[in-house]
PDB file of N, CA and C in Angstrom:
ATOM      1  N   MET A   1      98.306  38.974 108.993  1.00  0.00           N
ATOM      2  CA  MET A   1      98.589  37.752 109.750  1.00  0.00           C
ATOM      3  C   MET A   1      98.564  36.476 108.844  1.00  0.00           C
ATOM      4  N   ARG A   2      97.560  36.454 107.944  1.00  0.00           N
ATOM      5  CA  ARG A   2      97.430  35.314 107.057  1.00  0.00           C
ATOM      6  C   ARG A   2      98.649  35.150 106.116  1.00  0.00           C
ATOM      7  N   THR A   3      99.157  36.288 105.643  1.00  0.00           N
ATOM      8  CA  THR A   3     100.345  36.286 104.784  1.00  0.00           C
ATOM      9  C   THR A   3     101.539  35.839 105.561  1.00  0.00           C
ATOM     10  N   VAL A   4     101.726  36.240 106.807  1.00  0.00           N
ATOM     11  CA  VAL A   4     102.813  35.818 107.643  1.00  0.00           C
ATOM     12  C   VAL A   4     102.736  34.284 107.870  1.00  0.00           C
ATOM     13  N   LEU A   5     101.559  33.766 108.192  1.00  0.00           N
ATOM     14  CA  LEU A   5     101.395  32.320 108.417  1.00  0.00           C
ATOM     15  C   LEU A   5     101.744  31.547 107.098  1.00  0.00           C
ATOM     16  N   LEU A   6     101.302  31.990 105.993  1.00  0.00           N
ATOM     17  CA  LEU A   6     101.544  31.340 104.725  1.00  0.00           C
ATOM     18  C   LEU A   6     103.025  31.355 104.385  1.00  0.00           C
ATOM     19  N   ALA A   7     103.673  32.515 104.592  1.00  0.00           N
ATOM     20  CA  ALA A   7     105.131  32.583 104.317  1.00  0.00           C
ATOM     21  C   ALA A   7     105.926  31.709 105.218  1.00  0.00           C
ATOM     22  N   ALA A   8     105.503  31.602 106.506  1.00  0.00           N
ATOM     23  CA  ALA A   8     106.262  30.684 107.408  1.00  0.00           C
ATOM     24  C   ALA A   8     106.016  29.278 106.985  1.00  0.00           C
ATOM     25  N   ALA A   9     104.792  28.978 106.583  1.00  0.00           N
ATOM     26  CA  ALA A   9     104.529  27.591 106.155  1.00  0.00           C
ATOM     27  C   ALA A   9     105.350  27.201 104.926  1.00  0.00           C
ATOM     28  N   LEU A  10     105.439  28.101 104.012  1.00  0.00           N
ATOM     29  CA  LEU A  10     106.182  27.836 102.750  1.00  0.00           C
ATOM     30  C   LEU A  10     107.686  27.703 103.106  1.00  0.00           C
ATOM     31  N   ALA A  11     108.193  28.547 103.948  1.00  0.00           N
ATOM     32  CA  ALA A  11     109.611  28.410 104.337  1.00  0.00           C
ATOM     33  C   ALA A  11     109.875  27.100 105.019  1.00  0.00           C
ATOM     34  N   ALA A  12     109.016  26.672 105.922  1.00  0.00           N
ATOM     35  CA  ALA A  12     109.197  25.412 106.637  1.00  0.00           C
ATOM     36  C   ALA A  12     109.153  24.224 105.663  1.00  0.00           C
ATOM     37  N   GLY A  13     108.230  24.259 104.724  1.00  0.00           N
ATOM     38  CA  GLY A  13     108.173  23.203 103.755  1.00  0.00           C
ATOM     39  C   GLY A  13     109.414  23.101 102.895  1.00  0.00           C
ATOM     40  N   ALA A  14     109.942  24.258 102.510  1.00  0.00           N
ATOM     41  CA  ALA A  14     111.153  24.267 101.685  1.00  0.00           C
ATOM     42  C   ALA A  14     112.314  23.731 102.461  1.00  0.00           C
ATOM     43  N   MET A  15     112.390  24.069 103.767  1.00  0.00           N
ATOM     44  CA  MET A  15     113.564  23.563 104.542  1.00  0.00           C
ATOM     45  C   MET A  15     113.461  22.073 104.747  1.00  0.00           C
ATOM     46  N   ILE A  16     112.300  21.576 104.933  1.00  0.00           N
ATOM     47  CA  ILE A  16     112.146  20.131 105.191  1.00  0.00           C
ATOM     48  C   ILE A  16     112.411  19.360 103.898  1.00  0.00           C
ATOM     49  N   ALA A  17     111.908  19.860 102.756  1.00  0.00           N
ATOM     50  CA  ALA A  17     112.072  19.153 101.511  1.00  0.00           C
ATOM     51  C   ALA A  17     113.526  19.232 100.999  1.00  0.00           C
ATOM     52  N   ALA A  18     114.220  20.290 101.226  1.00  0.00           N
ATOM     53  CA  ALA A  18     115.520  20.479 100.671  1.00  0.00           C
ATOM     54  C   ALA A  18     116.492  19.366 100.970  1.00  0.00           C
ATOM     55  N   PRO A  19     116.597  18.778 102.168  1.00  0.00           N
ATOM     56  CA  PRO A  19     117.588  17.700 102.394  1.00  0.00           C
ATOM     57  C   PRO A  19     117.327  16.471 101.594  1.00  0.00           C
ATOM     58  N   THR A  20     116.101  16.253 101.079  1.00  0.00           N
ATOM     59  CA  THR A  20     115.836  14.993 100.384  1.00  0.00           C
ATOM     60  C   THR A  20     116.281  15.061  98.920  1.00  0.00           C
ATOM     61  N   ALA A  21     116.600  16.238  98.382  1.00  0.00           N
ATOM     62  CA  ALA A  21     117.016  16.357  96.998  1.00  0.00           C
ATOM     63  C   ALA A  21     118.542  16.299  96.901  1.00  0.00           C
ATOM     64  N   PRO A  22     119.008  15.866  95.774  1.00  0.00           N
ATOM     65  CA  PRO A  22     120.489  15.918  95.592  1.00  0.00           C
ATOM     66  C   PRO A  22     121.051  17.341  95.769  1.00  0.00           C
ATOM     67  N   ALA A  23     122.316  17.456  96.143  1.00  0.00           N
ATOM     68  CA  ALA A  23     122.902  18.744  96.413  1.00  0.00           C
ATOM     69  C   ALA A  23     122.790  19.754  95.271  1.00  0.00           C
ATOM     70  N   SER A  24     122.841  19.220  94.020  1.00  0.00           N
ATOM     71  CA  SER A  24     122.752  20.106  92.823  1.00  0.00           C
ATOM     72  C   SER A  24     121.355  20.542  92.477  1.00  0.00           C
ATOM     73  N   ALA A  25     120.335  19.928  93.098  1.00  0.00           N
ATOM     74  CA  ALA A  25     118.941  20.179  92.736  1.00  0.00           C
ATOM     75  C   ALA A  25     118.412  21.383  93.509  1.00  0.00           C
ATOM     76  N   GLN A  26     117.562  22.141  92.909  1.00  0.00           N
ATOM     77  CA  GLN A  26     116.840  23.197  93.561  1.00  0.00           C
ATOM     78  C   GLN A  26     115.520  22.666  94.094  1.00  0.00           C
ATOM     79  N   VAL A  27     114.899  23.363  95.023  1.00  0.00           N
ATOM     80  CA  VAL A  27     113.605  22.888  95.534  1.00  0.00           C
ATOM     81  C   VAL A  27     112.519  23.800  94.921  1.00  0.00           C
ATOM     82  N   ILE A  28     111.546  23.152  94.339  1.00  0.00           N
ATOM     83  CA  ILE A  28     110.443  23.827  93.726  1.00  0.00           C
ATOM     84  C   ILE A  28     109.223  23.629  94.668  1.00  0.00           C
ATOM     85  N   MET A  29     108.399  24.675  94.881  1.00  0.00           N
ATOM     86  CA  MET A  29     107.226  24.537  95.719  1.00  0.00           C
ATOM     87  C   MET A  29     105.984  24.943  94.967  1.00  0.00           C
ATOM     88  N   THR A  30     104.947  24.204  95.050  1.00  0.00           N
ATOM     89  CA  THR A  30     103.630  24.462  94.457  1.00  0.00           C
ATOM     90  C   THR A  30     102.644  24.650  95.634  1.00  0.00           C
ATOM     91  N   VAL A  31     101.819  25.649  95.547  1.00  0.00           N
ATOM     92  CA  VAL A  31     100.795  25.962  96.567  1.00  0.00           C
ATOM     93  C   VAL A  31      99.440  26.139  95.997  1.00  0.00           C
ATOM     94  N   ASN A  32      98.405  25.690  96.728  1.00  0.00           N
ATOM     95  CA  ASN A  32      97.019  25.931  96.332  1.00  0.00           C
ATOM     96  C   ASN A  32      96.218  25.897  97.617  1.00  0.00           C
ATOM     97  N   HIS A  33      94.880  26.081  97.533  1.00  0.00           N
ATOM     98  CA  HIS A  33      94.079  26.074  98.721  1.00  0.00           C
ATOM     99  C   HIS A  33      92.622  25.702  98.385  1.00  0.00           C
ATOM    100  N   ALA A  34      91.851  25.389  99.422  1.00  0.00           N
ATOM    101  CA  ALA A  34      90.408  25.143  99.239  1.00  0.00           C
ATOM    102  C   ALA A  34      89.742  25.668 100.483  1.00  0.00           C
ATOM    103  N   THR A  35      88.487  26.088 100.361  1.00  0.00           N
ATOM    104  CA  THR A  35      87.754  26.511 101.546  1.00  0.00           C
ATOM    105  C   THR A  35      87.322  25.224 102.297  1.00  0.00           C
ATOM    106  N   THR A  36      87.143  25.360 103.577  1.00  0.00           N
ATOM    107  CA  THR A  36      86.792  24.184 104.360  1.00  0.00           C
ATOM    108  C   THR A  36      85.290  24.118 104.763  1.00  0.00           C
ATOM    109  N   GLY A  37      84.546  25.043 104.331  1.00  0.00           N
ATOM    110  CA  GLY A  37      83.118  25.014 104.625  1.00  0.00           C
ATOM    111  C   GLY A  37      82.764  25.119 106.083  1.00  0.00           C
ATOM    112  N   GLY A  38      83.634  25.807 106.837  1.00  0.00           N
ATOM    113  CA  GLY A  38      83.364  26.040 108.247  1.00  0.00           C
ATOM    114  C   GLY A  38      83.680  24.905 109.168  1.00  0.00           C
ATOM    115  N   MET A  39      84.414  23.838 108.690  1.00  0.00           N
ATOM    116  CA  MET A  39      84.754  22.782 109.575  1.00  0.00           C
ATOM    117  C   MET A  39      85.785  23.205 110.597  1.00  0.00           C
ATOM    118  N   THR A  40      85.836  22.534 111.719  1.00  0.00           N
ATOM    119  CA  THR A  40      86.818  22.886 112.776  1.00  0.00           C
ATOM    120  C   THR A  40      88.192  22.447 112.283  1.00  0.00           C
ATOM    121  N   PRO A  41      89.238  23.011 112.901  1.00  0.00           N
ATOM    122  CA  PRO A  41      90.594  22.582 112.533  1.00  0.00           C
ATOM    123  C   PRO A  41      90.804  21.088 112.751  1.00  0.00           C
ATOM    124  N   GLY A  42      90.230  20.526 113.816  1.00  0.00           N
ATOM    125  CA  GLY A  42      90.327  19.110 114.079  1.00  0.00           C
ATOM    126  C   GLY A  42      89.662  18.299 112.993  1.00  0.00           C
ATOM    127  N   ALA A  43      88.483  18.682 112.519  1.00  0.00           N
ATOM    128  CA  ALA A  43      87.846  18.025 111.425  1.00  0.00           C
ATOM    129  C   ALA A  43      88.616  18.147 110.128  1.00  0.00           C
ATOM    130  N   CYS A  44      89.234  19.316 109.906  1.00  0.00           N
ATOM    131  CA  CYS A  44      89.998  19.562 108.725  1.00  0.00           C
ATOM    132  C   CYS A  44      91.217  18.597 108.755  1.00  0.00           C
ATOM    133  N   LYS A  45      91.906  18.447 109.893  1.00  0.00           N
ATOM    134  CA  LYS A  45      93.082  17.567 109.952  1.00  0.00           C
ATOM    135  C   LYS A  45      92.664  16.112 109.815  1.00  0.00           C
ATOM    136  N   SER A  46      91.527  15.760 110.310  1.00  0.00           N
ATOM    137  CA  SER A  46      91.026  14.332 110.141  1.00  0.00           C
ATOM    138  C   SER A  46      90.756  14.073 108.649  1.00  0.00           C
ATOM    139  N   LYS A  47      90.136  15.011 107.956  1.00  0.00           N
ATOM    140  CA  LYS A  47      89.926  14.892 106.552  1.00  0.00           C
ATOM    141  C   LYS A  47      91.249  14.880 105.796  1.00  0.00           C
ATOM    142  N   ALA A  48      92.177  15.703 106.220  1.00  0.00           N
ATOM    143  CA  ALA A  48      93.506  15.738 105.519  1.00  0.00           C
ATOM    144  C   ALA A  48      94.207  14.335 105.611  1.00  0.00           C
ATOM    145  N   ARG A  49      94.066  13.659 106.703  1.00  0.00           N
ATOM    146  CA  ARG A  49      94.628  12.310 106.834  1.00  0.00           C
ATOM    147  C   ARG A  49      94.042  11.344 105.797  1.00  0.00           C
ATOM    148  N   ARG A  50      92.689  11.409 105.632  1.00  0.00           N
ATOM    149  CA  ARG A  50      92.021  10.603 104.635  1.00  0.00           C
ATOM    150  C   ARG A  50      92.400  10.959 103.221  1.00  0.00           C
ATOM    151  N   VAL A  51      92.680  12.302 103.020  1.00  0.00           N
ATOM    152  CA  VAL A  51      93.076  12.769 101.689  1.00  0.00           C
ATOM    153  C   VAL A  51      94.413  12.167 101.294  1.00  0.00           C
ATOM    154  N   LEU A  52      95.377  12.054 102.277  1.00  0.00           N
ATOM    155  CA  LEU A  52      96.670  11.425 101.965  1.00  0.00           C
ATOM    156  C   LEU A  52      96.434  10.058 101.415  1.00  0.00           C
ATOM    157  N   ASP A  53      95.613   9.275 102.123  1.00  0.00           N
ATOM    158  CA  ASP A  53      95.326   7.894 101.607  1.00  0.00           C
ATOM    159  C   ASP A  53      94.722   7.870 100.189  1.00  0.00           C
ATOM    160  N   MET A  54      93.687   8.758 100.038  1.00  0.00           N
ATOM    161  CA  MET A  54      93.037   8.768  98.704  1.00  0.00           C
ATOM    162  C   MET A  54      93.984   9.215  97.618  1.00  0.00           C
ATOM    163  N   ALA A  55      94.873  10.144  97.931  1.00  0.00           N
ATOM    164  CA  ALA A  55      95.812  10.657  96.917  1.00  0.00           C
ATOM    165  C   ALA A  55      97.075   9.777  96.764  1.00  0.00           C
ATOM    166  N   GLY A  56      97.141   8.692  97.525  1.00  0.00           N
ATOM    167  CA  GLY A  56      98.281   7.766  97.426  1.00  0.00           C
ATOM    168  C   GLY A  56      99.568   8.365  97.966  1.00  0.00           C
ATOM    169  N   VAL A  57      99.481   9.201  98.942  1.00  0.00           N
ATOM    170  CA  VAL A  57     100.674   9.825  99.581  1.00  0.00           C
ATOM    171  C   VAL A  57     100.827   9.231 100.973  1.00  0.00           C
ATOM    172  N   ARG A  58     102.069   8.932 101.320  1.00  0.00           N
ATOM    173  CA  ARG A  58     102.391   8.272 102.580  1.00  0.00           C
ATOM    174  C   ARG A  58     102.404   9.301 103.739  1.00  0.00           C
ATOM    175  N   TYR A  59     101.679   9.027 104.828  1.00  0.00           N
ATOM    176  CA  TYR A  59     101.639   9.890 105.979  1.00  0.00           C
ATOM    177  C   TYR A  59     103.022  10.003 106.605  1.00  0.00           C
ATOM    178  N   HIS A  60     103.421  11.212 107.024  1.00  0.00           N
ATOM    179  CA  HIS A  60     104.762  11.406 107.556  1.00  0.00           C
ATOM    180  C   HIS A  60     104.652  11.876 109.047  1.00  0.00           C
ATOM    181  N   ASP A  61     103.906  12.985 109.248  1.00  0.00           N
ATOM    182  CA  ASP A  61     103.855  13.569 110.626  1.00  0.00           C
ATOM    183  C   ASP A  61     102.712  14.548 110.667  1.00  0.00           C
ATOM    184  N   GLU A  62     102.543  15.134 111.863  1.00  0.00           N
ATOM    185  CA  GLU A  62     101.556  16.200 111.951  1.00  0.00           C
ATOM    186  C   GLU A  62     102.008  17.214 113.015  1.00  0.00           C
ATOM    187  N   THR A  63     101.490  18.405 112.918  1.00  0.00           N
ATOM    188  CA  THR A  63     101.699  19.456 113.903  1.00  0.00           C
ATOM    189  C   THR A  63     100.355  19.882 114.360  1.00  0.00           C
ATOM    190  N   ALA A  64     100.288  20.923 115.142  1.00  0.00           N
ATOM    191  CA  ALA A  64      99.020  21.441 115.674  1.00  0.00           C
ATOM    192  C   ALA A  64      98.105  21.869 114.526  1.00  0.00           C
ATOM    193  N   SER A  65      98.611  22.304 113.411  1.00  0.00           N
ATOM    194  CA  SER A  65      97.771  22.828 112.315  1.00  0.00           C
ATOM    195  C   SER A  65      98.074  22.203 110.994  1.00  0.00           C
ATOM    196  N   ALA A  66      98.877  21.115 110.905  1.00  0.00           N
ATOM    197  CA  ALA A  66      99.227  20.600 109.585  1.00  0.00           C
ATOM    198  C   ALA A  66      99.404  19.075 109.620  1.00  0.00           C
ATOM    199  N   ILE A  67      99.105  18.479 108.453  1.00  0.00           N
ATOM    200  CA  ILE A  67      99.332  17.050 108.220  1.00  0.00           C
ATOM    201  C   ILE A  67     100.352  16.958 107.099  1.00  0.00           C
ATOM    202  N   TRP A  68     101.424  16.225 107.374  1.00  0.00           N
ATOM    203  CA  TRP A  68     102.586  16.101 106.463  1.00  0.00           C
ATOM    204  C   TRP A  68     102.597  14.673 105.771  1.00  0.00           C
ATOM    205  N   GLY A  69     102.954  14.674 104.488  1.00  0.00           N
ATOM    206  CA  GLY A  69     103.069  13.411 103.763  1.00  0.00           C
ATOM    207  C   GLY A  69     104.278  13.426 102.941  1.00  0.00           C
ATOM    208  N   ILE A  70     104.648  12.217 102.436  1.00  0.00           N
ATOM    209  CA  ILE A  70     105.864  12.074 101.586  1.00  0.00           C
ATOM    210  C   ILE A  70     105.486  11.225 100.367  1.00  0.00           C
ATOM    211  N   GLN A  71     105.930  11.640  99.190  1.00  0.00           N
ATOM    212  CA  GLN A  71     105.729  10.906  97.972  1.00  0.00           C
ATOM    213  C   GLN A  71     107.127  10.595  97.413  1.00  0.00           C
ATOM    214  N   GLY A  72     107.393   9.382  96.998  1.00  0.00           N
ATOM    215  CA  GLY A  72     108.642   9.000  96.437  1.00  0.00           C
ATOM    216  C   GLY A  72     109.536   8.315  97.395  1.00  0.00           C
ATOM    217  N   GLU A  73     110.719   7.880  96.893  1.00  0.00           N
ATOM    218  CA  GLU A  73     111.688   7.168  97.683  1.00  0.00           C
ATOM    219  C   GLU A  73     113.049   7.726  97.425  1.00  0.00           C
ATOM    220  N   GLY A  74     114.013   7.372  98.313  1.00  0.00           N
ATOM    221  CA  GLY A  74     115.396   7.759  98.149  1.00  0.00           C
ATOM    222  C   GLY A  74     115.636   9.248  98.134  1.00  0.00           C
ATOM    223  N   SER A  75     116.487   9.662  97.189  1.00  0.00           N
ATOM    224  CA  SER A  75     116.841  11.074  97.169  1.00  0.00           C
ATOM    225  C   SER A  75     115.842  11.898  96.356  1.00  0.00           C
ATOM    226  N   TRP A  76     114.791  11.304  95.788  1.00  0.00           N
ATOM    227  CA  TRP A  76     113.776  12.052  95.006  1.00  0.00           C
ATOM    228  C   TRP A  76     112.447  12.047  95.705  1.00  0.00           C
ATOM    229  N   GLN A  77     112.406  12.466  96.998  1.00  0.00           N
ATOM    230  CA  GLN A  77     111.173  12.550  97.707  1.00  0.00           C
ATOM    231  C   GLN A  77     110.561  13.910  97.579  1.00  0.00           C
ATOM    232  N   TYR A  78     109.259  13.919  97.665  1.00  0.00           N
ATOM    233  CA  TYR A  78     108.454  15.152  97.631  1.00  0.00           C
ATOM    234  C   TYR A  78     107.667  15.266  98.878  1.00  0.00           C
ATOM    235  N   MET A  79     107.774  16.407  99.577  1.00  0.00           N
ATOM    236  CA  MET A  79     107.023  16.659 100.815  1.00  0.00           C
ATOM    237  C   MET A  79     105.708  17.370 100.455  1.00  0.00           C
ATOM    238  N   VAL A  80     104.621  16.921 100.989  1.00  0.00           N
ATOM    239  CA  VAL A  80     103.357  17.567 100.842  1.00  0.00           C
ATOM    240  C   VAL A  80     102.819  17.946 102.184  1.00  0.00           C
ATOM    241  N   VAL A  81     102.145  19.029 102.292  1.00  0.00           N
ATOM    242  CA  VAL A  81     101.592  19.510 103.544  1.00  0.00           C
ATOM    243  C   VAL A  81     100.193  20.085 103.316  1.00  0.00           C
ATOM    244  N   MET A  82      99.285  19.773 104.215  1.00  0.00           N
ATOM    245  CA  MET A  82      97.994  20.423 104.230  1.00  0.00           C
ATOM    246  C   MET A  82      97.910  21.185 105.533  1.00  0.00           C
ATOM    247  N   TYR A  83      97.794  22.496 105.468  1.00  0.00           N
ATOM    248  CA  TYR A  83      97.691  23.358 106.657  1.00  0.00           C
ATOM    249  C   TYR A  83      96.227  23.682 106.835  1.00  0.00           C
ATOM    250  N   CYS A  84      95.741  23.341 107.991  1.00  0.00           N
ATOM    251  CA  CYS A  84      94.357  23.677 108.407  1.00  0.00           C
ATOM    252  C   CYS A  84      94.421  24.908 109.276  1.00  0.00           C
ATOM    253  N   LEU A  85      94.202  26.083 108.659  1.00  0.00           N
ATOM    254  CA  LEU A  85      94.335  27.286 109.391  1.00  0.00           C
ATOM    255  C   LEU A  85      93.133  27.592 110.339  1.00  0.00           C
ATOM    256  N   SER A  86      93.429  27.827 111.569  1.00  0.00           N
ATOM    257  CA  SER A  86      92.304  28.015 112.567  1.00  0.00           C
ATOM    258  C   SER A  86      91.702  29.404 112.444  1.00  0.00           C
ATOM    259  N   THR A  87      92.422  30.366 111.827  1.00  0.00           N
ATOM    260  CA  THR A  87      91.960  31.722 111.802  1.00  0.00           C
ATOM    261  C   THR A  87      91.172  31.972 110.515  1.00  0.00           C
ATOM    262  N   ARG A  88      91.106  31.062 109.544  1.00  0.00           N
ATOM    263  CA  ARG A  88      90.415  31.219 108.298  1.00  0.00           C
ATOM    264  C   ARG A  88      89.721  29.934 107.938  1.00  0.00           C
ATOM    265  N   ASP A  89      88.737  30.053 107.048  1.00  0.00           N
ATOM    266  CA  ASP A  89      88.006  28.903 106.549  1.00  0.00           C
ATOM    267  C   ASP A  89      88.654  28.369 105.312  1.00  0.00           C
ATOM    268  N   VAL A  90      89.917  27.911 105.473  1.00  0.00           N
ATOM    269  CA  VAL A  90      90.705  27.487 104.372  1.00  0.00           C
ATOM    270  C   VAL A  90      91.695  26.424 104.781  1.00  0.00           C
ATOM    271  N   VAL A  91      92.018  25.534 103.787  1.00  0.00           N
ATOM    272  CA  VAL A  91      93.112  24.579 103.950  1.00  0.00           C
ATOM    273  C   VAL A  91      94.071  24.884 102.816  1.00  0.00           C
ATOM    274  N   VAL A  92      95.367  24.967 103.175  1.00  0.00           N
ATOM    275  CA  VAL A  92      96.450  25.291 102.187  1.00  0.00           C
ATOM    276  C   VAL A  92      97.175  23.990 101.869  1.00  0.00           C
ATOM    277  N   PHE A  93      97.373  23.709 100.585  1.00  0.00           N
ATOM    278  CA  PHE A  93      98.128  22.585 100.130  1.00  0.00           C
ATOM    279  C   PHE A  93      99.457  23.008  99.585  1.00  0.00           C
ATOM    280  N   THR A  94     100.543  22.360  99.963  1.00  0.00           N
ATOM    281  CA  THR A  94     101.870  22.595  99.408  1.00  0.00           C
ATOM    282  C   THR A  94     102.541  21.303  99.038  1.00  0.00           C
ATOM    283  N   ALA A  95     103.409  21.381  98.033  1.00  0.00           N
ATOM    284  CA  ALA A  95     104.278  20.251  97.700  1.00  0.00           C
ATOM    285  C   ALA A  95     105.585  20.805  97.287  1.00  0.00           C
ATOM    286  N   ALA A  96     106.693  20.206  97.817  1.00  0.00           N
ATOM    287  CA  ALA A  96     108.037  20.705  97.561  1.00  0.00           C
ATOM    288  C   ALA A  96     108.870  19.523  97.099  1.00  0.00           C
ATOM    289  N   GLY A  97     109.769  19.797  96.179  1.00  0.00           N
ATOM    290  CA  GLY A  97     110.713  18.791  95.667  1.00  0.00           C
ATOM    291  C   GLY A  97     111.524  19.365  94.522  1.00  0.00           C
ATOM    292  N   ALA A  98     112.245  18.545  93.829  1.00  0.00           N
ATOM    293  CA  ALA A  98     113.204  18.975  92.793  1.00  0.00           C
ATOM    294  C   ALA A  98     112.573  19.330  91.486  1.00  0.00           C
ATOM    295  N   ASP A  99     111.293  18.931  91.158  1.00  0.00           N
ATOM    296  CA  ASP A  99     110.793  19.110  89.843  1.00  0.00           C
ATOM    297  C   ASP A  99     109.378  19.551  89.872  1.00  0.00           C
ATOM    298  N   ARG A 100     109.085  20.720  89.282  1.00  0.00           N
ATOM    299  CA  ARG A 100     107.751  21.300  89.215  1.00  0.00           C
ATOM    300  C   ARG A 100     106.790  20.358  88.485  1.00  0.00           C
ATOM    301  N   ASN A 101     107.333  19.576  87.584  1.00  0.00           N
ATOM    302  CA  ASN A 101     106.453  18.596  86.885  1.00  0.00           C
ATOM    303  C   ASN A 101     105.960  17.518  87.813  1.00  0.00           C
ATOM    304  N   GLN A 102     106.513  17.462  89.031  1.00  0.00           N
ATOM    305  CA  GLN A 102     106.005  16.531  90.060  1.00  0.00           C
ATOM    306  C   GLN A 102     105.191  17.280  91.134  1.00  0.00           C
ATOM    307  N   THR A 103     105.641  18.496  91.493  1.00  0.00           N
ATOM    308  CA  THR A 103     104.913  19.183  92.637  1.00  0.00           C
ATOM    309  C   THR A 103     103.563  19.622  92.191  1.00  0.00           C
ATOM    310  N   GLN A 104     103.395  20.159  90.966  1.00  0.00           N
ATOM    311  CA  GLN A 104     102.054  20.668  90.530  1.00  0.00           C
ATOM    312  C   GLN A 104     101.074  19.485  90.448  1.00  0.00           C
ATOM    313  N   PRO A 105     101.395  18.305  89.886  1.00  0.00           N
ATOM    314  CA  PRO A 105     100.440  17.176  89.871  1.00  0.00           C
ATOM    315  C   PRO A 105     100.149  16.725  91.308  1.00  0.00           C
ATOM    316  N   LEU A 106     101.112  16.782  92.253  1.00  0.00           N
ATOM    317  CA  LEU A 106     100.919  16.326  93.619  1.00  0.00           C
ATOM    318  C   LEU A 106      99.857  17.244  94.271  1.00  0.00           C
ATOM    319  N   VAL A 107     100.024  18.541  94.126  1.00  0.00           N
ATOM    320  CA  VAL A 107      99.044  19.460  94.703  1.00  0.00           C
ATOM    321  C   VAL A 107      97.682  19.296  94.040  1.00  0.00           C
ATOM    322  N   ASP A 108      97.651  19.161  92.714  1.00  0.00           N
ATOM    323  CA  ASP A 108      96.402  18.933  92.002  1.00  0.00           C
ATOM    324  C   ASP A 108      95.690  17.673  92.516  1.00  0.00           C
ATOM    325  N   ARG A 109      96.513  16.570  92.707  1.00  0.00           N
ATOM    326  CA  ARG A 109      95.944  15.284  93.207  1.00  0.00           C
ATOM    327  C   ARG A 109      95.401  15.447  94.608  1.00  0.00           C
ATOM    328  N   MET A 110      96.134  16.184  95.447  1.00  0.00           N
ATOM    329  CA  MET A 110      95.615  16.356  96.839  1.00  0.00           C
ATOM    330  C   MET A 110      94.368  17.234  96.824  1.00  0.00           C
ATOM    331  N   LEU A 111      94.325  18.292  96.039  1.00  0.00           N
ATOM    332  CA  LEU A 111      93.114  19.129  95.992  1.00  0.00           C
ATOM    333  C   LEU A 111      91.901  18.309  95.429  1.00  0.00           C
ATOM    334  N   ASP A 112      92.170  17.500  94.434  1.00  0.00           N
ATOM    335  CA  ASP A 112      91.106  16.655  93.885  1.00  0.00           C
ATOM    336  C   ASP A 112      90.615  15.665  94.939  1.00  0.00           C
ATOM    337  N   ALA A 113      91.551  15.068  95.682  1.00  0.00           N
ATOM    338  CA  ALA A 113      91.172  14.144  96.727  1.00  0.00           C
ATOM    339  C   ALA A 113      90.381  14.838  97.806  1.00  0.00           C
ATOM    340  N   TRP A 114      90.794  16.091  98.181  1.00  0.00           N
ATOM    341  CA  TRP A 114      90.059  16.891  99.195  1.00  0.00           C
ATOM    342  C   TRP A 114      88.616  17.059  98.745  1.00  0.00           C
ATOM    343  N   ASN A 115      88.455  17.378  97.500  1.00  0.00           N
ATOM    344  CA  ASN A 115      87.054  17.613  96.988  1.00  0.00           C
ATOM    345  C   ASN A 115      86.198  16.318  96.930  1.00  0.00           C
ATOM    346  N   ARG A 116      86.850  15.162  96.816  1.00  0.00           N
ATOM    347  CA  ARG A 116      86.157  13.912  96.773  1.00  0.00           C
ATOM    348  C   ARG A 116      85.978  13.231  98.114  1.00  0.00           C
ATOM    349  N   THR A 117      86.706  13.703  99.140  1.00  0.00           N
ATOM    350  CA  THR A 117      86.717  13.007 100.477  1.00  0.00           C
ATOM    351  C   THR A 117      85.659  13.675 101.337  1.00  0.00           C
ATOM    352  N   GLN A 118      84.894  12.825 102.030  1.00  0.00           N
ATOM    353  CA  GLN A 118      83.869  13.301 102.977  1.00  0.00           C
ATOM    354  C   GLN A 118      84.481  13.542 104.294  1.00  0.00           C
TER     355      GLN A 118
END
C-alpha cells in the first residue's frame, strides 16, 4: 500500500510540474522523507505550511494529505510537495522541475527546514 501511495504521489507531482517546463525539457524528480514522531496528519500539514515559509518556497495549494509549493517564476518553476501519510509515521518530500541541480537542493532545503521547525 505504501509503495502504491508513493508511486501515485510521484506521478501526480510529475504531471503537475511538467506543464511549467519548456516543451524540450524533461522533468526531474527528487524524493526524500522524514519521520514525523507520531504527530497527527493535521499537525504534520500545519508544520509543512511553516516549512514552506522557512525554506523560502511559495505556498500553492493543499489536498487532504499534502501541502504544495512553487519555487521560481515563468517557465522555470519547480513544484515541491510534502505528503503527510496518515498510514505511516512519515512525511515524504518531493520536488519536480527541469534540472536535478535545482530539485535536489530544494528537497534538501525542505528537509532541513522540517528538522528546524517546531
